[in-house]
Amino acid sequence: MPLKLEPGTLAEVADHVEHIVKVVGIDHVGIGADFGSLTTHPVGLEDVSKYPYLTAELLRRGWKDEDVKKFLGLNLLRVMRAVEQGAEK
């Protein structure tokens, strides 16, 4: 019988994000949108339409706007640009 896990919460997702930032730094953290591969979603973060709530939670916790922007996509864009430059060489 498969193990049934209780879904986490949006606040717990934010806790995990903050832990990862402490371990690897804000320049190496981002969020994906692979909800199609999940069968259970955190309460309050059931799909990408709830991202503004995660953004609000990070801001409520004192995150700087610049760091939130990195997490939401600027880090990914930076990495993709570096990959493109490497491919051109």
PDB file of N, CA and C in Angstrom:
ATOM      1  N   MET A   1       0.840  -1.175   0.000  1.00  0.00           N
ATOM      2  CA  MET A   1       0.000   0.000   0.000  1.00  0.00           C
ATOM      3  C   MET A   1       0.892   1.248   0.000  1.00  0.00           C
ATOM      4  N   PRO A   2       0.660   2.190  -0.929  1.00  0.00           N
ATOM      5  CA  PRO A   2       1.498   3.375  -1.001  1.00  0.00           C
ATOM      6  C   PRO A   2       1.355   4.252   0.246  1.00  0.00           C
ATOM      7  N   LEU A   3       2.444   4.875   0.597  1.00  0.00           N
ATOM      8  CA  LEU A   3       2.463   5.793   1.734  1.00  0.00           C
ATOM      9  C   LEU A   3       1.685   7.046   1.364  1.00  0.00           C
ATOM     10  N   LYS A   4       0.740   7.446   2.202  1.00  0.00           N
ATOM     11  CA  LYS A   4      -0.016   8.679   1.976  1.00  0.00           C
ATOM     12  C   LYS A   4       0.566   9.768   2.858  1.00  0.00           C
ATOM     13  N   LEU A   5       1.011  10.832   2.232  1.00  0.00           N
ATOM     14  CA  LEU A   5       1.564  11.960   2.953  1.00  0.00           C
ATOM     15  C   LEU A   5       0.556  13.092   3.002  1.00  0.00           C
ATOM     16  N   GLU A   6       0.516  13.764   4.118  1.00  0.00           N
ATOM     17  CA  GLU A   6      -0.327  14.951   4.232  1.00  0.00           C
ATOM     18  C   GLU A   6       0.339  16.080   3.442  1.00  0.00           C
ATOM     19  N   PRO A   7      -0.458  16.869   2.740  1.00  0.00           N
ATOM     20  CA  PRO A   7       0.153  17.975   2.008  1.00  0.00           C
ATOM     21  C   PRO A   7       0.722  19.007   2.975  1.00  0.00           C
ATOM     22  N   GLY A   8       1.827  19.594   2.582  1.00  0.00           N
ATOM     23  CA  GLY A   8       2.396  20.675   3.368  1.00  0.00           C
ATOM     24  C   GLY A   8       1.581  21.944   3.183  1.00  0.00           C
ATOM     25  N   THR A   9       2.105  23.022   3.705  1.00  0.00           N
ATOM     26  CA  THR A   9       1.438  24.319   3.589  1.00  0.00           C
ATOM     27  C   THR A   9       2.342  25.290   2.847  1.00  0.00           C
ATOM     28  N   LEU A  10       1.758  26.364   2.411  1.00  0.00           N
ATOM     29  CA  LEU A  10       2.520  27.420   1.756  1.00  0.00           C
ATOM     30  C   LEU A  10       3.613  27.930   2.689  1.00  0.00           C
ATOM     31  N   ALA A  11       3.311  28.084   3.956  1.00  0.00           N
ATOM     32  CA  ALA A  11       4.315  28.551   4.925  1.00  0.00           C
ATOM     33  C   ALA A  11       5.472  27.559   5.028  1.00  0.00           C
ATOM     34  N   GLU A  12       5.180  26.266   4.954  1.00  0.00           N
ATOM     35  CA  GLU A  12       6.244  25.261   5.002  1.00  0.00           C
ATOM     36  C   GLU A  12       7.104  25.308   3.739  1.00  0.00           C
ATOM     37  N   VAL A  13       6.484  25.592   2.603  1.00  0.00           N
ATOM     38  CA  VAL A  13       7.259  25.771   1.375  1.00  0.00           C
ATOM     39  C   VAL A  13       8.218  26.945   1.564  1.00  0.00           C
ATOM     40  N   ALA A  14       7.718  28.046   2.093  1.00  0.00           N
ATOM     41  CA  ALA A  14       8.567  29.207   2.346  1.00  0.00           C
ATOM     42  C   ALA A  14       9.697  28.854   3.318  1.00  0.00           C
ATOM     43  N   ASP A  15       9.403  28.042   4.340  1.00  0.00           N
ATOM     44  CA  ASP A  15      10.444  27.587   5.272  1.00  0.00           C
ATOM     45  C   ASP A  15      11.541  26.841   4.520  1.00  0.00           C
ATOM     46  N   HIS A  16      11.142  25.940   3.622  1.00  0.00           N
ATOM     47  CA  HIS A  16      12.106  25.159   2.854  1.00  0.00           C
ATOM     48  C   HIS A  16      12.926  26.049   1.928  1.00  0.00           C
ATOM     49  N   VAL A  17      12.278  27.002   1.278  1.00  0.00           N
ATOM     50  CA  VAL A  17      12.986  27.926   0.396  1.00  0.00           C
ATOM     51  C   VAL A  17      14.030  28.684   1.205  1.00  0.00           C
ATOM     52  N   GLU A  18      13.653  29.173   2.366  1.00  0.00           N
ATOM     53  CA  GLU A  18      14.602  29.920   3.193  1.00  0.00           C
ATOM     54  C   GLU A  18      15.761  29.038   3.642  1.00  0.00           C
ATOM     55  N   HIS A  19      15.494  27.778   3.941  1.00  0.00           N
ATOM     56  CA  HIS A  19      16.576  26.863   4.323  1.00  0.00           C
ATOM     57  C   HIS A  19      17.547  26.679   3.155  1.00  0.00           C
ATOM     58  N   ILE A  20      17.013  26.470   1.965  1.00  0.00           N
ATOM     59  CA  ILE A  20      17.869  26.280   0.796  1.00  0.00           C
ATOM     60  C   ILE A  20      18.704  27.530   0.540  1.00  0.00           C
ATOM     61  N   VAL A  21      18.105  28.706   0.684  1.00  0.00           N
ATOM     62  CA  VAL A  21      18.850  29.956   0.512  1.00  0.00           C
ATOM     63  C   VAL A  21      19.995  30.032   1.523  1.00  0.00           C
ATOM     64  N   LYS A  22      19.749  29.611   2.755  1.00  0.00           N
ATOM     65  CA  LYS A  22      20.815  29.616   3.765  1.00  0.00           C
ATOM     66  C   LYS A  22      21.945  28.667   3.385  1.00  0.00           C
ATOM     67  N   VAL A  23      21.616  27.552   2.754  1.00  0.00           N
ATOM     68  CA  VAL A  23      22.627  26.554   2.398  1.00  0.00           C
ATOM     69  C   VAL A  23      23.421  26.964   1.155  1.00  0.00           C
ATOM     70  N   VAL A  24      22.727  27.409   0.088  1.00  0.00           N
ATOM     71  CA  VAL A  24      23.413  27.648  -1.185  1.00  0.00           C
ATOM     72  C   VAL A  24      23.464  29.104  -1.614  1.00  0.00           C
ATOM     73  N   GLY A  25      22.699  29.977  -0.978  1.00  0.00           N
ATOM     74  CA  GLY A  25      22.690  31.387  -1.346  1.00  0.00           C
ATOM     75  C   GLY A  25      21.563  31.729  -2.306  1.00  0.00           C
ATOM     76  N   ILE A  26      21.127  32.960  -2.241  1.00  0.00           N
ATOM     77  CA  ILE A  26      19.977  33.423  -3.018  1.00  0.00           C
ATOM     78  C   ILE A  26      20.212  33.349  -4.519  1.00  0.00           C
ATOM     79  N   ASP A  27      21.460  33.406  -4.960  1.00  0.00           N
ATOM     80  CA  ASP A  27      21.733  33.387  -6.391  1.00  0.00           C
ATOM     81  C   ASP A  27      21.581  32.005  -7.018  1.00  0.00           C
ATOM     82  N   HIS A  28      21.275  31.001  -6.213  1.00  0.00           N
ATOM     83  CA  HIS A  28      21.213  29.629  -6.718  1.00  0.00           C
ATOM     84  C   HIS A  28      19.877  28.952  -6.410  1.00  0.00           C
ATOM     85  N   VAL A  29      18.838  29.743  -6.217  1.00  0.00           N
ATOM     86  CA  VAL A  29      17.525  29.204  -5.862  1.00  0.00           C
ATOM     87  C   VAL A  29      16.478  29.794  -6.798  1.00  0.00           C
ATOM     88  N   GLY A  30      15.544  28.949  -7.225  1.00  0.00           N
ATOM     89  CA  GLY A  30      14.451  29.407  -8.072  1.00  0.00           C
ATOM     90  C   GLY A  30      13.267  28.482  -7.920  1.00  0.00           C
ATOM     91  N   ILE A  31      12.169  28.889  -8.482  1.00  0.00           N
ATOM     92  CA  ILE A  31      10.944  28.087  -8.394  1.00  0.00           C
ATOM     93  C   ILE A  31      10.573  27.603  -9.790  1.00  0.00           C
ATOM     94  N   GLY A  32      10.060  26.390  -9.856  1.00  0.00           N
ATOM     95  CA  GLY A  32       9.610  25.820 -11.115  1.00  0.00           C
ATOM     96  C   GLY A  32       8.099  25.735 -11.153  1.00  0.00           C
ATOM     97  N   ALA A  33       7.588  25.271 -12.269  1.00  0.00           N
ATOM     98  CA  ALA A  33       6.142  25.176 -12.438  1.00  0.00           C
ATOM     99  C   ALA A  33       5.746  23.771 -12.867  1.00  0.00           C
ATOM    100  N   ASP A  34       6.372  22.765 -12.261  1.00  0.00           N
ATOM    101  CA  ASP A  34       6.131  21.384 -12.676  1.00  0.00           C
ATOM    102  C   ASP A  34       4.982  20.742 -11.889  1.00  0.00           C
ATOM    103  N   PHE A  35       3.884  21.451 -11.788  1.00  0.00           N
ATOM    104  CA  PHE A  35       2.738  20.944 -11.039  1.00  0.00           C
ATOM    105  C   PHE A  35       2.140  19.700 -11.685  1.00  0.00           C
ATOM    106  N   GLY A  36       2.337  19.510 -12.987  1.00  0.00           N
ATOM    107  CA  GLY A  36       1.778  18.359 -13.671  1.00  0.00           C
ATOM    108  C   GLY A  36       2.339  17.035 -13.192  1.00  0.00           C
ATOM    109  N   SER A  37       3.538  17.054 -12.617  1.00  0.00           N
ATOM    110  CA  SER A  37       4.161  15.809 -12.165  1.00  0.00           C
ATOM    111  C   SER A  37       3.833  15.475 -10.712  1.00  0.00           C
ATOM    112  N   LEU A  38       3.125  16.345 -10.035  1.00  0.00           N
ATOM    113  CA  LEU A  38       2.807  16.136  -8.626  1.00  0.00           C
ATOM    114  C   LEU A  38       1.394  15.588  -8.465  1.00  0.00           C
ATOM    115  N   THR A  39       1.222  14.776  -7.438  1.00  0.00           N
ATOM    116  CA  THR A  39      -0.122  14.283  -7.135  1.00  0.00           C
ATOM    117  C   THR A  39      -0.706  14.961  -5.905  1.00  0.00           C
ATOM    118  N   THR A  40       0.152  15.525  -5.076  1.00  0.00           N
ATOM    119  CA  THR A  40      -0.279  16.255  -3.880  1.00  0.00           C
ATOM    120  C   THR A  40       0.400  17.617  -3.905  1.00  0.00           C
ATOM    121  N   HIS A  41      -0.352  18.643  -3.611  1.00  0.00           N
ATOM    122  CA  HIS A  41       0.186  20.000  -3.627  1.00  0.00           C
ATOM    123  C   HIS A  41       0.060  20.620  -2.244  1.00  0.00           C
ATOM    124  N   PRO A  42       0.991  21.502  -1.897  1.00  0.00           N
ATOM    125  CA  PRO A  42       0.866  22.192  -0.612  1.00  0.00           C
ATOM    126  C   PRO A  42      -0.430  23.001  -0.550  1.00  0.00           C
ATOM    127  N   VAL A  43      -1.031  23.023   0.604  1.00  0.00           N
ATOM    128  CA  VAL A  43      -2.243  23.812   0.812  1.00  0.00           C
ATOM    129  C   VAL A  43      -1.883  25.289   0.646  1.00  0.00           C
ATOM    130  N   GLY A  44      -2.590  25.957  -0.232  1.00  0.00           N
ATOM    131  CA  GLY A  44      -2.314  27.358  -0.508  1.00  0.00           C
ATOM    132  C   GLY A  44      -1.392  27.557  -1.689  1.00  0.00           C
ATOM    133  N   LEU A  45      -0.880  26.449  -2.256  1.00  0.00           N
ATOM    134  CA  LEU A  45       0.003  26.519  -3.414  1.00  0.00           C
ATOM    135  C   LEU A  45      -0.371  25.380  -4.376  1.00  0.00           C
ATOM    136  N   GLU A  46      -1.657  25.300  -4.667  1.00  0.00           N
ATOM    137  CA  GLU A  46      -2.188  24.199  -5.465  1.00  0.00           C
ATOM    138  C   GLU A  46      -1.822  24.285  -6.948  1.00  0.00           C
ATOM    139  N   ASP A  47      -1.529  25.486  -7.425  1.00  0.00           N
ATOM    140  CA  ASP A  47      -1.124  25.667  -8.823  1.00  0.00           C
ATOM    141  C   ASP A  47      -0.405  26.998  -8.949  1.00  0.00           C
ATOM    142  N   VAL A  48       0.069  27.300 -10.153  1.00  0.00           N
ATOM    143  CA  VAL A  48       0.877  28.503 -10.342  1.00  0.00           C
ATOM    144  C   VAL A  48       0.099  29.796 -10.096  1.00  0.00           C
ATOM    145  N   SER A  49      -1.213  29.734 -10.123  1.00  0.00           N
ATOM    146  CA  SER A  49      -1.991  30.941  -9.835  1.00  0.00           C
ATOM    147  C   SER A  49      -1.810  31.398  -8.389  1.00  0.00           C
ATOM    148  N   LYS A  50      -1.260  30.531  -7.549  1.00  0.00           N
ATOM    149  CA  LYS A  50      -1.050  30.853  -6.130  1.00  0.00           C
ATOM    150  C   LYS A  50       0.335  31.428  -5.860  1.00  0.00           C
ATOM    151  N   TYR A  51       1.181  31.548  -6.891  1.00  0.00           N
ATOM    152  CA  TYR A  51       2.525  32.110  -6.686  1.00  0.00           C
ATOM    153  C   TYR A  51       2.503  33.465  -5.992  1.00  0.00           C
ATOM    154  N   PRO A  52       1.531  34.344  -6.298  1.00  0.00           N
ATOM    155  CA  PRO A  52       1.512  35.625  -5.591  1.00  0.00           C
ATOM    156  C   PRO A  52       1.423  35.462  -4.064  1.00  0.00           C
ATOM    157  N   TYR A  53       0.789  34.393  -3.599  1.00  0.00           N
ATOM    158  CA  TYR A  53       0.698  34.171  -2.159  1.00  0.00           C
ATOM    159  C   TYR A  53       2.056  33.778  -1.578  1.00  0.00           C
ATOM    160  N   LEU A  54       2.833  32.996  -2.336  1.00  0.00           N
ATOM    161  CA  LEU A  54       4.183  32.660  -1.892  1.00  0.00           C
ATOM    162  C   LEU A  54       5.051  33.915  -1.914  1.00  0.00           C
ATOM    163  N   THR A  55       4.916  34.717  -2.950  1.00  0.00           N
ATOM    164  CA  THR A  55       5.643  35.987  -3.017  1.00  0.00           C
ATOM    165  C   THR A  55       5.315  36.854  -1.805  1.00  0.00           C
ATOM    166  N   ALA A  56       4.035  36.973  -1.491  1.00  0.00           N
ATOM    167  CA  ALA A  56       3.609  37.780  -0.343  1.00  0.00           C
ATOM    168  C   ALA A  56       4.181  37.223   0.957  1.00  0.00           C
ATOM    169  N   GLU A  57       4.231  35.906   1.082  1.00  0.00           N
ATOM    170  CA  GLU A  57       4.780  35.285   2.299  1.00  0.00           C
ATOM    171  C   GLU A  57       6.264  35.599   2.445  1.00  0.00           C
ATOM    172  N   LEU A  58       7.015  35.528   1.355  1.00  0.00           N
ATOM    173  CA  LEU A  58       8.444  35.841   1.420  1.00  0.00           C
ATOM    174  C   LEU A  58       8.658  37.317   1.766  1.00  0.00           C
ATOM    175  N   LEU A  59       7.862  38.192   1.177  1.00  0.00           N
ATOM    176  CA  LEU A  59       7.955  39.621   1.502  1.00  0.00           C
ATOM    177  C   LEU A  59       7.577  39.867   2.964  1.00  0.00           C
ATOM    178  N   ARG A  60       6.560  39.171   3.447  1.00  0.00           N
ATOM    179  CA  ARG A  60       6.147  39.316   4.846  1.00  0.00           C
ATOM    180  C   ARG A  60       7.272  38.909   5.790  1.00  0.00           C
ATOM    181  N   ARG A  61       8.076  37.956   5.344  1.00  0.00           N
ATOM    182  CA  ARG A  61       9.200  37.479   6.149  1.00  0.00           C
ATOM    183  C   ARG A  61      10.425  38.382   6.055  1.00  0.00           C
ATOM    184  N   GLY A  62      10.304  39.449   5.288  1.00  0.00           N
ATOM    185  CA  GLY A  62      11.398  40.412   5.222  1.00  0.00           C
ATOM    186  C   GLY A  62      12.329  40.281   4.029  1.00  0.00           C
ATOM    187  N   TRP A  63      11.946  39.470   3.052  1.00  0.00           N
ATOM    188  CA  TRP A  63      12.773  39.350   1.854  1.00  0.00           C
ATOM    189  C   TRP A  63      12.802  40.683   1.122  1.00  0.00           C
ATOM    190  N   LYS A  64      13.959  41.012   0.555  1.00  0.00           N
ATOM    191  CA  LYS A  64      14.087  42.200  -0.286  1.00  0.00           C
ATOM    192  C   LYS A  64      13.457  41.913  -1.650  1.00  0.00           C
ATOM    193  N   ASP A  65      12.901  42.951  -2.265  1.00  0.00           N
ATOM    194  CA  ASP A  65      12.305  42.804  -3.592  1.00  0.00           C
ATOM    195  C   ASP A  65      13.277  42.147  -4.567  1.00  0.00           C
ATOM    196  N   GLU A  66      14.529  42.565  -4.538  1.00  0.00           N
ATOM    197  CA  GLU A  66      15.547  42.036  -5.447  1.00  0.00           C
ATOM    198  C   GLU A  66      15.706  40.523  -5.282  1.00  0.00           C
ATOM    199  N   ASP A  67      15.685  40.046  -4.047  1.00  0.00           N
ATOM    200  CA  ASP A  67      15.842  38.612  -3.800  1.00  0.00           C
ATOM    201  C   ASP A  67      14.612  37.824  -4.245  1.00  0.00           C
ATOM    202  N   VAL A  68      13.435  38.397  -4.060  1.00  0.00           N
ATOM    203  CA  VAL A  68      12.213  37.737  -4.528  1.00  0.00           C
ATOM    204  C   VAL A  68      12.250  37.617  -6.047  1.00  0.00           C
ATOM    205  N   LYS A  69      12.682  38.667  -6.725  1.00  0.00           N
ATOM    206  CA  LYS A  69      12.763  38.629  -8.187  1.00  0.00           C
ATOM    207  C   LYS A  69      13.753  37.565  -8.657  1.00  0.00           C
ATOM    208  N   LYS A  70      14.869  37.431  -7.950  1.00  0.00           N
ATOM    209  CA  LYS A  70      15.832  36.375  -8.294  1.00  0.00           C
ATOM    210  C   LYS A  70      15.173  35.009  -8.173  1.00  0.00           C
ATOM    211  N   PHE A  71      14.485  34.771  -7.074  1.00  0.00           N
ATOM    212  CA  PHE A  71      13.829  33.501  -6.820  1.00  0.00           C
ATOM    213  C   PHE A  71      12.759  33.205  -7.866  1.00  0.00           C
ATOM    214  N   LEU A  72      12.005  34.227  -8.260  1.00  0.00           N
ATOM    215  CA  LEU A  72      10.884  34.029  -9.176  1.00  0.00           C
ATOM    216  C   LEU A  72      11.288  33.913 -10.641  1.00  0.00           C
ATOM    217  N   GLY A  73      12.541  34.217 -10.986  1.00  0.00           N
ATOM    218  CA  GLY A  73      12.902  34.052 -12.390  1.00  0.00           C
ATOM    219  C   GLY A  73      14.215  34.633 -12.837  1.00  0.00           C
ATOM    220  N   LEU A  74      14.717  35.659 -12.154  1.00  0.00           N
ATOM    221  CA  LEU A  74      15.959  36.262 -12.619  1.00  0.00           C
ATOM    222  C   LEU A  74      17.136  35.284 -12.547  1.00  0.00           C
ATOM    223  N   ASN A  75      17.162  34.438 -11.525  1.00  0.00           N
ATOM    224  CA  ASN A  75      18.248  33.446 -11.449  1.00  0.00           C
ATOM    225  C   ASN A  75      18.186  32.496 -12.643  1.00  0.00           C
ATOM    226  N   LEU A  76      17.009  32.039 -12.984  1.00  0.00           N
ATOM    227  CA  LEU A  76      16.848  31.135 -14.117  1.00  0.00           C
ATOM    228  C   LEU A  76      17.281  31.809 -15.414  1.00  0.00           C
ATOM    229  N   LEU A  77      16.884  33.044 -15.613  1.00  0.00           N
ATOM    230  CA  LEU A  77      17.277  33.761 -16.824  1.00  0.00           C
ATOM    231  C   LEU A  77      18.789  33.922 -16.897  1.00  0.00           C
ATOM    232  N   ARG A  78      19.430  34.215 -15.777  1.00  0.00           N
ATOM    233  CA  ARG A  78      20.884  34.356 -15.749  1.00  0.00           C
ATOM    234  C   ARG A  78      21.565  33.046 -16.165  1.00  0.00           C
ATOM    235  N   VAL A  79      21.079  31.943 -15.627  1.00  0.00           N
ATOM    236  CA  VAL A  79      21.660  30.641 -15.957  1.00  0.00           C
ATOM    237  C   VAL A  79      21.429  30.306 -17.426  1.00  0.00           C
ATOM    238  N   MET A  80      20.237  30.565 -17.924  1.00  0.00           N
ATOM    239  CA  MET A  80      19.940  30.270 -19.329  1.00  0.00           C
ATOM    240  C   MET A  80      20.829  31.092 -20.260  1.00  0.00           C
ATOM    241  N   ARG A  81      21.068  32.356 -19.921  1.00  0.00           N
ATOM    242  CA  ARG A  81      21.960  33.189 -20.740  1.00  0.00           C
ATOM    243  C   ARG A  81      23.377  32.614 -20.739  1.00  0.00           C
ATOM    244  N   ALA A  82      23.843  32.177 -19.583  1.00  0.00           N
ATOM    245  CA  ALA A  82      25.181  31.591 -19.492  1.00  0.00           C
ATOM    246  C   ALA A  82      25.281  30.308 -20.312  1.00  0.00           C
ATOM    247  N   VAL A  83      24.244  29.512 -20.297  1.00  0.00           N
ATOM    248  CA  VAL A  83      24.219  28.269 -21.089  1.00  0.00           C
ATOM    249  C   VAL A  83      24.256  28.613 -22.579  1.00  0.00           C
ATOM    250  N   GLU A  84      23.476  29.594 -22.996  1.00  0.00           N
ATOM    251  CA  GLU A  84      23.484  30.003 -24.406  1.00  0.00           C
ATOM    252  C   GLU A  84      24.855  30.486 -24.826  1.00  0.00           C
ATOM    253  N   GLN A  85      25.507  31.284 -23.973  1.00  0.00           N
ATOM    254  CA  GLN A  85      26.841  31.783 -24.291  1.00  0.00           C
ATOM    255  C   GLN A  85      27.830  30.628 -24.394  1.00  0.00           C
ATOM    256  N   GLY A  86      27.714  29.656 -23.523  1.00  0.00           N
ATOM    257  CA  GLY A  86      28.588  28.485 -23.588  1.00  0.00           C
ATOM    258  C   GLY A  86      28.347  27.692 -24.856  1.00  0.00           C
ATOM    259  N   ALA A  87      27.109  27.579 -25.273  1.00  0.00           N
ATOM    260  CA  ALA A  87      26.791  26.830 -26.482  1.00  0.00           C
ATOM    261  C   ALA A  87      27.334  27.525 -27.736  1.00  0.00           C
ATOM    262  N   GLU A  88      27.347  28.852 -27.716  1.00  0.00           N
ATOM    263  CA  GLU A  88      27.857  29.614 -28.856  1.00  0.00           C
ATOM    264  C   GLU A  88      29.360  29.436 -29.028  1.00  0.00           C
ATOM    265  N   LYS A  89      30.048  29.159 -27.933  1.00  0.00           N
ATOM    266  CA  LYS A  89      31.503  28.969 -27.998  1.00  0.00           C
ATOM    267  C   LYS A  89      31.786  27.606 -28.540  1.00  0.00           C
TER     268      LYS A  89
END
